[in-house]
Amino acid sequence: MKLFGRKKNSDDTTASKKPEKKVGLFVNENSPRAKGYKGEDMATAELLRRGYHILDRNYTTRHGEIDIVAELDGVIYFVEVKSRDVHNYFFPATSITDNKRYQIAAVAKQWFAEHGGEKESSLLVAEVYMDDGEIILFQDFLL
């Protein structure tokens, strides 16, 4: 029987032993979070294949998070990844609201403050379809 990471041994008479440390995160592979991470990995691989340089992943501030920050030809791209299990009539990129775009802009401003001033930048939306691996990139989506 395992209790809180500590092995119960019959010959264990010392109560001062520290419990074993957890290594890594245990995430259900079918959870939305795990699917999101897989979609981000797929989008990152596609961006690399197209010649982008990945500068940051899951950049988080108190304003929110940007999934991927990438650069191509001197332009910084703030990438929002939208993953779906299957193709259907609903386009994932359309789920990005005005509030989400304002949030991305606020996080991007913080990213520039930490990384040396502003450069030309753009919002890039990566639609990832898990069923067939298709990835569609929309540059300057709804700007």
Protein backbone atom coordinates (compact mmCIF):
# COMPACT_ATOMS: atom_id res chain seq x y z
CA MET A 1 0.00 0.00 0.00
CA LYS A 2 1.35 3.44 -0.93
CA LEU A 3 0.43 6.47 1.12
CA PHE A 4 1.37 9.95 -0.07
CA GLY A 5 4.41 8.71 -1.97
CA ARG A 6 5.91 6.86 0.99
CA LYS A 7 6.51 3.16 0.90
CA LYS A 8 5.21 1.30 3.91
CA ASN A 9 7.80 -1.19 5.06
CA SER A 10 7.27 -3.53 7.95
CA ASP A 11 10.85 -2.91 9.13
CA ASP A 12 10.50 0.88 8.88
CA THR A 13 10.79 2.12 12.44
CA THR A 14 12.08 5.62 11.73
CA ALA A 15 9.41 8.25 11.32
CA SER A 16 11.92 10.83 10.05
CA LYS A 17 12.16 9.47 6.49
CA LYS A 18 11.01 11.94 3.85
CA PRO A 19 8.31 10.88 1.38
CA GLU A 20 9.35 10.19 -2.20
CA LYS A 21 9.08 13.17 -4.52
CA LYS A 22 6.67 13.19 -7.43
CA VAL A 23 8.38 13.41 -10.79
CA GLY A 24 6.54 15.20 -13.59
CA LEU A 25 2.87 15.93 -14.03
CA PHE A 26 0.32 13.21 -14.29
CA VAL A 27 -2.19 14.32 -16.92
CA ASN A 28 -4.91 12.11 -18.35
CA GLU A 29 -4.02 11.80 -22.03
CA ASN A 30 -7.68 12.29 -23.00
CA SER A 31 -8.14 15.48 -20.97
CA PRO A 32 -8.65 18.82 -22.73
CA ARG A 33 -5.33 20.03 -21.29
CA ALA A 34 -3.43 17.05 -22.74
CA LYS A 35 -5.10 17.55 -26.13
CA GLY A 36 -4.20 21.23 -25.99
CA TYR A 37 -0.55 20.42 -25.30
CA LYS A 38 -0.52 17.94 -28.17
CA GLY A 39 -2.06 20.56 -30.48
CA GLU A 40 0.58 23.08 -29.41
CA ASP A 41 3.32 20.53 -30.09
CA MET A 42 1.89 19.87 -33.56
CA ALA A 43 1.62 23.62 -34.29
CA THR A 44 5.20 24.17 -33.09
CA ALA A 45 6.46 21.41 -35.40
CA GLU A 46 4.59 22.98 -38.33
CA LEU A 47 5.99 26.44 -37.60
CA LEU A 48 9.51 25.00 -37.44
CA ARG A 49 8.91 23.17 -40.72
CA ARG A 50 7.91 26.49 -42.32
CA GLY A 51 11.08 28.22 -41.11
CA TYR A 52 9.85 30.03 -38.01
CA HIS A 53 12.11 30.31 -34.95
CA ILE A 54 10.33 29.49 -31.69
CA LEU A 55 11.12 32.13 -29.07
CA ASP A 56 8.74 31.12 -26.29
CA ARG A 57 6.00 28.65 -25.42
CA ASN A 58 3.18 29.11 -22.93
CA TYR A 59 4.36 32.60 -21.99
CA THR A 60 2.20 33.61 -19.03
CA THR A 61 1.59 36.89 -17.24
CA ARG A 62 -1.15 38.13 -14.94
CA HIS A 63 -3.02 39.22 -18.09
CA GLY A 64 -3.10 35.74 -19.62
CA GLU A 65 -1.08 33.38 -21.78
CA ILE A 66 0.29 33.21 -25.31
CA ASP A 67 0.66 29.67 -26.62
CA ILE A 68 3.67 30.25 -28.89
CA VAL A 69 5.90 33.22 -29.68
CA ALA A 70 7.72 32.77 -32.98
CA GLU A 71 9.80 34.86 -35.37
CA LEU A 72 10.10 34.82 -39.14
CA ASP A 73 11.92 37.43 -41.25
CA GLY A 74 12.19 39.87 -38.34
CA VAL A 75 8.46 39.76 -37.51
CA ILE A 76 7.33 38.46 -34.11
CA TYR A 77 4.25 36.24 -34.26
CA PHE A 78 2.05 35.67 -31.24
CA VAL A 79 0.42 32.33 -31.98
CA GLU A 80 -2.90 31.21 -30.55
CA VAL A 81 -3.45 27.48 -31.07
CA LYS A 82 -6.96 26.13 -31.46
CA SER A 83 -7.19 22.33 -31.52
CA ARG A 84 -10.20 20.25 -32.49
CA ASP A 85 -10.69 16.50 -32.63
CA VAL A 86 -12.49 16.46 -35.98
CA HIS A 87 -13.36 18.70 -38.91
CA ASN A 88 -16.86 20.11 -38.72
CA TYR A 89 -18.76 23.20 -39.79
CA PHE A 90 -17.28 25.24 -36.92
CA PHE A 91 -13.92 26.86 -37.62
CA PRO A 92 -11.82 26.92 -34.42
CA ALA A 93 -10.29 30.32 -35.20
CA THR A 94 -13.72 31.94 -34.97
CA SER A 95 -13.74 31.20 -31.23
CA ILE A 96 -11.19 33.99 -30.71
CA THR A 97 -13.21 36.90 -29.34
CA ASP A 98 -12.38 40.59 -29.09
CA ASN A 99 -11.57 40.03 -25.41
CA LYS A 100 -9.10 37.26 -26.30
CA ARG A 101 -7.37 39.55 -28.85
CA TYR A 102 -7.10 42.33 -26.23
CA GLN A 103 -5.70 39.80 -23.76
CA ILE A 104 -3.11 38.62 -26.31
CA ALA A 105 -2.15 42.26 -27.00
CA ALA A 106 -1.64 42.90 -23.26
CA VAL A 107 0.50 39.79 -22.87
CA ALA A 108 2.45 40.68 -26.04
CA LYS A 109 3.19 44.13 -24.60
CA GLN A 110 4.62 42.48 -21.48
CA TRP A 111 6.63 40.03 -23.61
CA PHE A 112 8.18 42.94 -25.54
CA ALA A 113 8.96 44.76 -22.28
CA GLU A 114 10.89 41.72 -21.04
CA HIS A 115 12.62 40.99 -24.35
CA GLY A 116 13.92 44.37 -25.45
CA GLY A 117 11.39 46.66 -27.03
CA GLU A 118 8.77 46.32 -29.70
CA LYS A 119 9.27 45.04 -33.22
CA GLU A 120 6.83 44.44 -36.02
CA SER A 121 4.38 41.83 -34.78
CA SER A 122 1.31 39.90 -35.79
CA LEU A 123 -1.34 37.58 -34.40
CA LEU A 124 -1.19 34.13 -35.94
CA VAL A 125 -3.89 31.55 -35.34
CA ALA A 126 -3.03 27.88 -35.81
CA GLU A 127 -6.02 25.58 -36.31
CA VAL A 128 -4.99 22.03 -35.51
CA TYR A 129 -7.23 19.12 -36.50
CA MET A 130 -6.31 16.09 -34.47
CA ASP A 131 -8.21 13.60 -36.68
CA ASP A 132 -5.95 13.97 -39.71
CA GLY A 133 -3.11 16.22 -38.48
CA GLU A 134 -4.05 19.13 -40.73
CA ILE A 135 -2.78 22.52 -39.54
CA ILE A 136 -4.06 25.78 -41.00
CA LEU A 137 -2.32 29.07 -40.19
CA PHE A 138 -4.19 32.38 -40.30
CA GLN A 139 -1.94 35.43 -40.20
CA ASP A 140 -3.31 38.75 -38.88
CA PHE A 141 -6.55 37.01 -37.98
CA LEU A 142 -9.33 39.59 -37.52
CA LEU A 143 -6.93 42.51 -36.99
